[in-house]
Amino acid sequence: MPVSNTSIVERIARVIAGRVVSINAEGADPSAGPRVDEIWRDYVEDALSVLRTLREPDQIMADAGNVETWERMVLAALEAETA
């Protein structure tokens, strides 16, 4: 599995920013990439909220993998961002 060079918080924040500005979602910008580059940091708190929600997997996720590993991974991402 590939490993991203971009933090999970930044990736989530960019997705949220993209949904706000892109014509492909809720926005009006037909070429939102440059705008997302400018504003994604405005959505870091939203991204952290999403990540905090993901600390506990649902039953389907728990059945598919190791719950303790998942929790450690999510907590590590949160700690890295808030350090």
PDB file of N, CA and C in Angstrom:
ATOM      1  N   MET A   1       0.840  -1.176   0.000  1.00  0.00           N
ATOM      2  CA  MET A   1       0.000   0.000   0.000  1.00  0.00           C
ATOM      3  C   MET A   1       0.885   1.238   0.000  1.00  0.00           C
ATOM      4  N   PRO A   2       0.575   2.206  -0.859  1.00  0.00           N
ATOM      5  CA  PRO A   2       1.352   3.448  -0.866  1.00  0.00           C
ATOM      6  C   PRO A   2       1.150   4.233   0.436  1.00  0.00           C
ATOM      7  N   VAL A   3       2.166   4.975   0.822  1.00  0.00           N
ATOM      8  CA  VAL A   3       2.107   5.833   1.999  1.00  0.00           C
ATOM      9  C   VAL A   3       2.245   7.273   1.524  1.00  0.00           C
ATOM     10  N   SER A   4       1.332   8.120   1.957  1.00  0.00           N
ATOM     11  CA  SER A   4       1.320   9.518   1.524  1.00  0.00           C
ATOM     12  C   SER A   4       2.440  10.317   2.179  1.00  0.00           C
ATOM     13  N   ASN A   5       2.955  11.284   1.459  1.00  0.00           N
ATOM     14  CA  ASN A   5       3.931  12.222   2.009  1.00  0.00           C
ATOM     15  C   ASN A   5       3.249  13.433   2.641  1.00  0.00           C
ATOM     16  N   THR A   6       1.941  13.498   2.511  1.00  0.00           N
ATOM     17  CA  THR A   6       1.152  14.604   3.052  1.00  0.00           C
ATOM     18  C   THR A   6       0.391  14.093   4.273  1.00  0.00           C
ATOM     19  N   SER A   7       0.342  14.888   5.329  1.00  0.00           N
ATOM     20  CA  SER A   7      -0.337  14.435   6.549  1.00  0.00           C
ATOM     21  C   SER A   7      -1.818  14.193   6.281  1.00  0.00           C
ATOM     22  N   ILE A   8      -2.400  13.298   7.075  1.00  0.00           N
ATOM     23  CA  ILE A   8      -3.818  12.999   6.941  1.00  0.00           C
ATOM     24  C   ILE A   8      -4.662  14.238   7.237  1.00  0.00           C
ATOM     25  N   VAL A   9      -4.225  15.067   8.156  1.00  0.00           N
ATOM     26  CA  VAL A   9      -4.976  16.280   8.485  1.00  0.00           C
ATOM     27  C   VAL A   9      -5.001  17.223   7.288  1.00  0.00           C
ATOM     28  N   GLU A  10      -3.864  17.408   6.643  1.00  0.00           N
ATOM     29  CA  GLU A  10      -3.841  18.267   5.458  1.00  0.00           C
ATOM     30  C   GLU A  10      -4.718  17.684   4.352  1.00  0.00           C
ATOM     31  N   ARG A  11      -4.656  16.384   4.158  1.00  0.00           N
ATOM     32  CA  ARG A  11      -5.456  15.768   3.092  1.00  0.00           C
ATOM     33  C   ARG A  11      -6.951  15.926   3.347  1.00  0.00           C
ATOM     34  N   ILE A  12      -7.374  15.737   4.599  1.00  0.00           N
ATOM     35  CA  ILE A  12      -8.791  15.930   4.924  1.00  0.00           C
ATOM     36  C   ILE A  12      -9.173  17.392   4.747  1.00  0.00           C
ATOM     37  N   ALA A  13      -8.335  18.304   5.223  1.00  0.00           N
ATOM     38  CA  ALA A  13      -8.619  19.743   5.094  1.00  0.00           C
ATOM     39  C   ALA A  13      -8.732  20.143   3.627  1.00  0.00           C
ATOM     40  N   ARG A  14      -7.881  19.584   2.778  1.00  0.00           N
ATOM     41  CA  ARG A  14      -7.944  19.887   1.349  1.00  0.00           C
ATOM     42  C   ARG A  14      -9.236  19.372   0.721  1.00  0.00           C
ATOM     43  N   VAL A  15      -9.687  18.209   1.153  1.00  0.00           N
ATOM     44  CA  VAL A  15     -10.947  17.678   0.633  1.00  0.00           C
ATOM     45  C   VAL A  15     -12.102  18.593   1.031  1.00  0.00           C
ATOM     46  N   ILE A  16     -12.117  19.017   2.276  1.00  0.00           N
ATOM     47  CA  ILE A  16     -13.181  19.912   2.738  1.00  0.00           C
ATOM     48  C   ILE A  16     -13.129  21.229   1.967  1.00  0.00           C
ATOM     49  N   ALA A  17     -11.942  21.803   1.827  1.00  0.00           N
ATOM     50  CA  ALA A  17     -11.801  23.053   1.067  1.00  0.00           C
ATOM     51  C   ALA A  17     -12.261  22.863  -0.374  1.00  0.00           C
ATOM     52  N   GLY A  18     -11.904  21.743  -0.957  1.00  0.00           N
ATOM     53  CA  GLY A  18     -12.320  21.462  -2.326  1.00  0.00           C
ATOM     54  C   GLY A  18     -13.824  21.384  -2.460  1.00  0.00           C
ATOM     55  N   ARG A  19     -14.481  20.779  -1.487  1.00  0.00           N
ATOM     56  CA  ARG A  19     -15.945  20.703  -1.528  1.00  0.00           C
ATOM     57  C   ARG A  19     -16.565  22.080  -1.429  1.00  0.00           C
ATOM     58  N   VAL A  20     -15.931  22.966  -0.693  1.00  0.00           N
ATOM     59  CA  VAL A  20     -16.472  24.318  -0.517  1.00  0.00           C
ATOM     60  C   VAL A  20     -16.340  25.139  -1.794  1.00  0.00           C
ATOM     61  N   VAL A  21     -15.222  25.017  -2.496  1.00  0.00           N
ATOM     62  CA  VAL A  21     -14.975  25.918  -3.629  1.00  0.00           C
ATOM     63  C   VAL A  21     -15.175  25.309  -5.010  1.00  0.00           C
ATOM     64  N   SER A  22     -15.114  23.997  -5.129  1.00  0.00           N
ATOM     65  CA  SER A  22     -15.147  23.376  -6.454  1.00  0.00           C
ATOM     66  C   SER A  22     -16.550  23.288  -7.038  1.00  0.00           C
ATOM     67  N   ILE A  23     -16.639  23.544  -8.330  1.00  0.00           N
ATOM     68  CA  ILE A  23     -17.904  23.406  -9.035  1.00  0.00           C
ATOM     69  C   ILE A  23     -18.368  21.942  -9.038  1.00  0.00           C
ATOM     70  N   ASN A  24     -17.434  21.014  -8.826  1.00  0.00           N
ATOM     71  CA  ASN A  24     -17.772  19.592  -8.760  1.00  0.00           C
ATOM     72  C   ASN A  24     -18.444  19.217  -7.447  1.00  0.00           C
ATOM     73  N   ALA A  25     -18.548  20.162  -6.540  1.00  0.00           N
ATOM     74  CA  ALA A  25     -19.181  19.913  -5.244  1.00  0.00           C
ATOM     75  C   ALA A  25     -20.157  21.053  -4.960  1.00  0.00           C
ATOM     76  N   GLU A  26     -19.894  21.829  -3.914  1.00  0.00           N
ATOM     77  CA  GLU A  26     -20.815  22.881  -3.506  1.00  0.00           C
ATOM     78  C   GLU A  26     -20.408  24.274  -3.976  1.00  0.00           C
ATOM     79  N   GLY A  27     -19.229  24.400  -4.559  1.00  0.00           N
ATOM     80  CA  GLY A  27     -18.717  25.703  -4.952  1.00  0.00           C
ATOM     81  C   GLY A  27     -19.016  26.046  -6.395  1.00  0.00           C
ATOM     82  N   ALA A  28     -18.331  27.059  -6.882  1.00  0.00           N
ATOM     83  CA  ALA A  28     -18.555  27.539  -8.246  1.00  0.00           C
ATOM     84  C   ALA A  28     -17.288  27.566  -9.087  1.00  0.00           C
ATOM     85  N   ASP A  29     -16.148  27.265  -8.494  1.00  0.00           N
ATOM     86  CA  ASP A  29     -14.871  27.365  -9.196  1.00  0.00           C
ATOM     87  C   ASP A  29     -14.637  26.133 -10.073  1.00  0.00           C
ATOM     88  N   PRO A  30     -14.525  26.332 -11.406  1.00  0.00           N
ATOM     89  CA  PRO A  30     -14.305  25.196 -12.297  1.00  0.00           C
ATOM     90  C   PRO A  30     -12.873  24.646 -12.240  1.00  0.00           C
ATOM     91  N   SER A  31     -11.952  25.405 -11.665  1.00  0.00           N
ATOM     92  CA  SER A  31     -10.563  24.973 -11.524  1.00  0.00           C
ATOM     93  C   SER A  31     -10.097  25.345 -10.116  1.00  0.00           C
ATOM     94  N   ALA A  32     -10.506  24.557  -9.139  1.00  0.00           N
ATOM     95  CA  ALA A  32     -10.369  24.930  -7.733  1.00  0.00           C
ATOM     96  C   ALA A  32      -9.000  24.641  -7.122  1.00  0.00           C
ATOM     97  N   GLY A  33      -8.125  23.935  -7.805  1.00  0.00           N
ATOM     98  CA  GLY A  33      -6.838  23.555  -7.229  1.00  0.00           C
ATOM     99  C   GLY A  33      -6.051  24.700  -6.613  1.00  0.00           C
ATOM    100  N   PRO A  34      -5.821  25.780  -7.352  1.00  0.00           N
ATOM    101  CA  PRO A  34      -5.066  26.892  -6.764  1.00  0.00           C
ATOM    102  C   PRO A  34      -5.760  27.512  -5.553  1.00  0.00           C
ATOM    103  N   ARG A  35      -7.082  27.587  -5.605  1.00  0.00           N
ATOM    104  CA  ARG A  35      -7.829  28.149  -4.472  1.00  0.00           C
ATOM    105  C   ARG A  35      -7.713  27.229  -3.257  1.00  0.00           C
ATOM    106  N   VAL A  36      -7.789  25.930  -3.474  1.00  0.00           N
ATOM    107  CA  VAL A  36      -7.628  24.975  -2.378  1.00  0.00           C
ATOM    108  C   VAL A  36      -6.244  25.123  -1.761  1.00  0.00           C
ATOM    109  N   ASP A  37      -5.218  25.307  -2.600  1.00  0.00           N
ATOM    110  CA  ASP A  37      -3.859  25.527  -2.074  1.00  0.00           C
ATOM    111  C   ASP A  37      -3.811  26.737  -1.147  1.00  0.00           C
ATOM    112  N   GLU A  38      -4.620  27.743  -1.429  1.00  0.00           N
ATOM    113  CA  GLU A  38      -4.632  28.968  -0.632  1.00  0.00           C
ATOM    114  C   GLU A  38      -5.405  28.826   0.677  1.00  0.00           C
ATOM    115  N   ILE A  39      -6.476  28.046   0.680  1.00  0.00           N
ATOM    116  CA  ILE A  39      -7.402  28.073   1.828  1.00  0.00           C
ATOM    117  C   ILE A  39      -7.468  26.814   2.668  1.00  0.00           C
ATOM    118  N   TRP A  40      -6.782  25.742   2.281  1.00  0.00           N
ATOM    119  CA  TRP A  40      -6.968  24.489   3.011  1.00  0.00           C
ATOM    120  C   TRP A  40      -6.662  24.629   4.497  1.00  0.00           C
ATOM    121  N   ARG A  41      -5.751  25.502   4.874  1.00  0.00           N
ATOM    122  CA  ARG A  41      -5.399  25.671   6.294  1.00  0.00           C
ATOM    123  C   ARG A  41      -6.577  26.190   7.119  1.00  0.00           C
ATOM    124  N   ASP A  42      -7.522  26.852   6.442  1.00  0.00           N
ATOM    125  CA  ASP A  42      -8.727  27.338   7.129  1.00  0.00           C
ATOM    126  C   ASP A  42      -9.608  26.179   7.596  1.00  0.00           C
ATOM    127  N   TYR A  43      -9.341  24.986   7.102  1.00  0.00           N
ATOM    128  CA  TYR A  43     -10.178  23.827   7.402  1.00  0.00           C
ATOM    129  C   TYR A  43      -9.469  22.772   8.252  1.00  0.00           C
ATOM    130  N   VAL A  44      -8.338  23.139   8.839  1.00  0.00           N
ATOM    131  CA  VAL A  44      -7.588  22.195   9.672  1.00  0.00           C
ATOM    132  C   VAL A  44      -8.411  21.770  10.885  1.00  0.00           C
ATOM    133  N   GLU A  45      -9.095  22.694  11.531  1.00  0.00           N
ATOM    134  CA  GLU A  45      -9.909  22.325  12.700  1.00  0.00           C
ATOM    135  C   GLU A  45     -11.023  21.368  12.312  1.00  0.00           C
ATOM    136  N   ASP A  46     -11.628  21.575  11.142  1.00  0.00           N
ATOM    137  CA  ASP A  46     -12.645  20.643  10.658  1.00  0.00           C
ATOM    138  C   ASP A  46     -12.021  19.267  10.431  1.00  0.00           C
ATOM    139  N   ALA A  47     -10.841  19.256   9.846  1.00  0.00           N
ATOM    140  CA  ALA A  47     -10.142  17.995   9.586  1.00  0.00           C
ATOM    141  C   ALA A  47      -9.819  17.279  10.893  1.00  0.00           C
ATOM    142  N   LEU A  48      -9.366  18.017  11.883  1.00  0.00           N
ATOM    143  CA  LEU A  48      -9.079  17.411  13.183  1.00  0.00           C
ATOM    144  C   LEU A  48     -10.345  16.835  13.811  1.00  0.00           C
ATOM    145  N   SER A  49     -11.458  17.514  13.642  1.00  0.00           N
ATOM    146  CA  SER A  49     -12.732  16.996  14.158  1.00  0.00           C
ATOM    147  C   SER A  49     -13.098  15.679  13.491  1.00  0.00           C
ATOM    148  N   VAL A  50     -12.899  15.602  12.181  1.00  0.00           N
ATOM    149  CA  VAL A  50     -13.168  14.359  11.457  1.00  0.00           C
ATOM    150  C   VAL A  50     -12.255  13.262  11.977  1.00  0.00           C
ATOM    151  N   LEU A  51     -10.988  13.574  12.127  1.00  0.00           N
ATOM    152  CA  LEU A  51     -10.031  12.569  12.581  1.00  0.00           C
ATOM    153  C   LEU A  51     -10.352  12.106  14.004  1.00  0.00           C
ATOM    154  N   ARG A  52     -10.763  13.023  14.867  1.00  0.00           N
ATOM    155  CA  ARG A  52     -11.140  12.626  16.232  1.00  0.00           C
ATOM    156  C   ARG A  52     -12.323  11.662  16.205  1.00  0.00           C
ATOM    157  N   THR A  53     -13.241  11.892  15.294  1.00  0.00           N
ATOM    158  CA  THR A  53     -14.396  11.006  15.149  1.00  0.00           C
ATOM    159  C   THR A  53     -13.964   9.611  14.719  1.00  0.00           C
ATOM    160  N   LEU A  54     -12.912   9.537  13.934  1.00  0.00           N
ATOM    161  CA  LEU A  54     -12.442   8.255  13.415  1.00  0.00           C
ATOM    162  C   LEU A  54     -11.625   7.446  14.417  1.00  0.00           C
ATOM    163  N   ARG A  55     -11.366   8.009  15.600  1.00  0.00           N
ATOM    164  CA  ARG A  55     -10.579   7.267  16.596  1.00  0.00           C
ATOM    165  C   ARG A  55     -11.190   5.906  16.898  1.00  0.00           C
ATOM    166  N   GLU A  56     -12.506   5.847  16.957  1.00  0.00           N
ATOM    167  CA  GLU A  56     -13.187   4.587  17.247  1.00  0.00           C
ATOM    168  C   GLU A  56     -13.773   4.036  15.957  1.00  0.00           C
ATOM    169  N   PRO A  57     -13.300   2.891  15.506  1.00  0.00           N
ATOM    170  CA  PRO A  57     -13.861   2.302  14.291  1.00  0.00           C
ATOM    171  C   PRO A  57     -15.271   1.777  14.554  1.00  0.00           C
ATOM    172  N   ASP A  58     -16.063   1.717  13.499  1.00  0.00           N
ATOM    173  CA  ASP A  58     -17.370   1.075  13.657  1.00  0.00           C
ATOM    174  C   ASP A  58     -17.179  -0.439  13.568  1.00  0.00           C
ATOM    175  N   GLN A  59     -18.243  -1.178  13.722  1.00  0.00           N
ATOM    176  CA  GLN A  59     -18.134  -2.630  13.782  1.00  0.00           C
ATOM    177  C   GLN A  59     -17.585  -3.226  12.489  1.00  0.00           C
ATOM    178  N   ILE A  60     -18.002  -2.709  11.363  1.00  0.00           N
ATOM    179  CA  ILE A  60     -17.513  -3.221  10.077  1.00  0.00           C
ATOM    180  C   ILE A  60     -16.004  -3.029   9.973  1.00  0.00           C
ATOM    181  N   MET A  61     -15.516  -1.846  10.381  1.00  0.00           N
ATOM    182  CA  MET A  61     -14.081  -1.587  10.356  1.00  0.00           C
ATOM    183  C   MET A  61     -13.345  -2.498  11.333  1.00  0.00           C
ATOM    184  N   ALA A  62     -13.915  -2.665  12.513  1.00  0.00           N
ATOM    185  CA  ALA A  62     -13.277  -3.512  13.517  1.00  0.00           C
ATOM    186  C   ALA A  62     -13.188  -4.959  13.043  1.00  0.00           C
ATOM    187  N   ASP A  63     -14.212  -5.416  12.364  1.00  0.00           N
ATOM    188  CA  ASP A  63     -14.203  -6.781  11.846  1.00  0.00           C
ATOM    189  C   ASP A  63     -13.155  -6.978  10.752  1.00  0.00           C
ATOM    190  N   ALA A  64     -12.798  -5.893  10.070  1.00  0.00           N
ATOM    191  CA  ALA A  64     -11.861  -5.988   8.945  1.00  0.00           C
ATOM    192  C   ALA A  64     -10.401  -5.907   9.361  1.00  0.00           C
ATOM    193  N   GLY A  65     -10.121  -5.399  10.568  1.00  0.00           N
ATOM    194  CA  GLY A  65      -8.721  -5.214  10.921  1.00  0.00           C
ATOM    195  C   GLY A  65      -8.488  -5.145  12.409  1.00  0.00           C
ATOM    196  N   ASN A  66      -7.332  -4.641  12.775  1.00  0.00           N
ATOM    197  CA  ASN A  66      -6.896  -4.583  14.159  1.00  0.00           C
ATOM    198  C   ASN A  66      -7.286  -3.236  14.773  1.00  0.00           C
ATOM    199  N   VAL A  67      -8.205  -3.272  15.737  1.00  0.00           N
ATOM    200  CA  VAL A  67      -8.733  -2.052  16.356  1.00  0.00           C
ATOM    201  C   VAL A  67      -7.639  -1.279  17.092  1.00  0.00           C
ATOM    202  N   GLU A  68      -6.778  -1.990  17.792  1.00  0.00           N
ATOM    203  CA  GLU A  68      -5.717  -1.311  18.546  1.00  0.00           C
ATOM    204  C   GLU A  68      -4.746  -0.592  17.617  1.00  0.00           C
ATOM    205  N   THR A  69      -4.417  -1.219  16.510  1.00  0.00           N
ATOM    206  CA  THR A  69      -3.523  -0.578  15.539  1.00  0.00           C
ATOM    207  C   THR A  69      -4.188   0.659  14.947  1.00  0.00           C
ATOM    208  N   TRP A  70      -5.442   0.532  14.593  1.00  0.00           N
ATOM    209  CA  TRP A  70      -6.188   1.675  14.046  1.00  0.00           C
ATOM    210  C   TRP A  70      -6.159   2.847  15.021  1.00  0.00           C
ATOM    211  N   GLU A  71      -6.488   2.574  16.273  1.00  0.00           N
ATOM    212  CA  GLU A  71      -6.522   3.641  17.262  1.00  0.00           C
ATOM    213  C   GLU A  71      -5.150   4.291  17.416  1.00  0.00           C
ATOM    214  N   ARG A  72      -4.091   3.491  17.468  1.00  0.00           N
ATOM    215  CA  ARG A  72      -2.733   4.042  17.586  1.00  0.00           C
ATOM    216  C   ARG A  72      -2.394   4.925  16.385  1.00  0.00           C
ATOM    217  N   MET A  73      -2.809   4.498  15.202  1.00  0.00           N
ATOM    218  CA  MET A  73      -2.520   5.271  13.994  1.00  0.00           C
ATOM    219  C   MET A  73      -3.238   6.620  14.019  1.00  0.00           C
ATOM    220  N   VAL A  74      -4.507   6.610  14.377  1.00  0.00           N
ATOM    221  CA  VAL A  74      -5.273   7.863  14.414  1.00  0.00           C
ATOM    222  C   VAL A  74      -4.736   8.774  15.509  1.00  0.00           C
ATOM    223  N   LEU A  75      -4.461   8.218  16.678  1.00  0.00           N
ATOM    224  CA  LEU A  75      -3.915   9.046  17.755  1.00  0.00           C
ATOM    225  C   LEU A  75      -2.547   9.618  17.394  1.00  0.00           C
ATOM    226  N   ALA A  76      -1.724   8.848  16.698  1.00  0.00           N
ATOM    227  CA  ALA A  76      -0.420   9.354  16.268  1.00  0.00           C
ATOM    228  C   ALA A  76      -0.592  10.537  15.318  1.00  0.00           C
ATOM    229  N   ALA A  77      -1.559  10.445  14.419  1.00  0.00           N
ATOM    230  CA  ALA A  77      -1.810  11.556  13.490  1.00  0.00           C
ATOM    231  C   ALA A  77      -2.271  12.795  14.232  1.00  0.00           C
ATOM    232  N   LEU A  78      -3.144  12.610  15.225  1.00  0.00           N
ATOM    233  CA  LEU A  78      -3.614  13.749  16.017  1.00  0.00           C
ATOM    234  C   LEU A  78      -2.487  14.364  16.833  1.00  0.00           C
ATOM    235  N   GLU A  79      -1.690  13.523  17.445  1.00  0.00           N
ATOM    236  CA  GLU A  79      -0.573  14.030  18.252  1.00  0.00           C
ATOM    237  C   GLU A  79       0.445  14.765  17.384  1.00  0.00           C
ATOM    238  N   ALA A  80       0.710  14.273  16.211  1.00  0.00           N
ATOM    239  CA  ALA A  80       1.664  14.927  15.310  1.00  0.00           C
ATOM    240  C   ALA A  80       1.173  16.316  14.919  1.00  0.00           C
ATOM    241  N   GLU A  81      -0.112  16.440  14.731  1.00  0.00           N
ATOM    242  CA  GLU A  81      -0.679  17.727  14.287  1.00  0.00           C
ATOM    243  C   GLU A  81      -0.741  18.730  15.432  1.00  0.00           C
ATOM    244  N   THR A  82      -0.974  18.266  16.634  1.00  0.00           N
ATOM    245  CA  THR A  82      -1.147  19.194  17.751  1.00  0.00           C
ATOM    246  C   THR A  82       0.145  19.416  18.531  1.00  0.00           C
ATOM    247  N   ALA A  83       1.225  18.761  18.121  1.00  0.00           N
ATOM    248  CA  ALA A  83       2.504  18.916  18.828  1.00  0.00           C
ATOM    249  C   ALA A  83       3.151  20.247  18.516  1.00  0.00           C
TER     250      ALA A  83
END
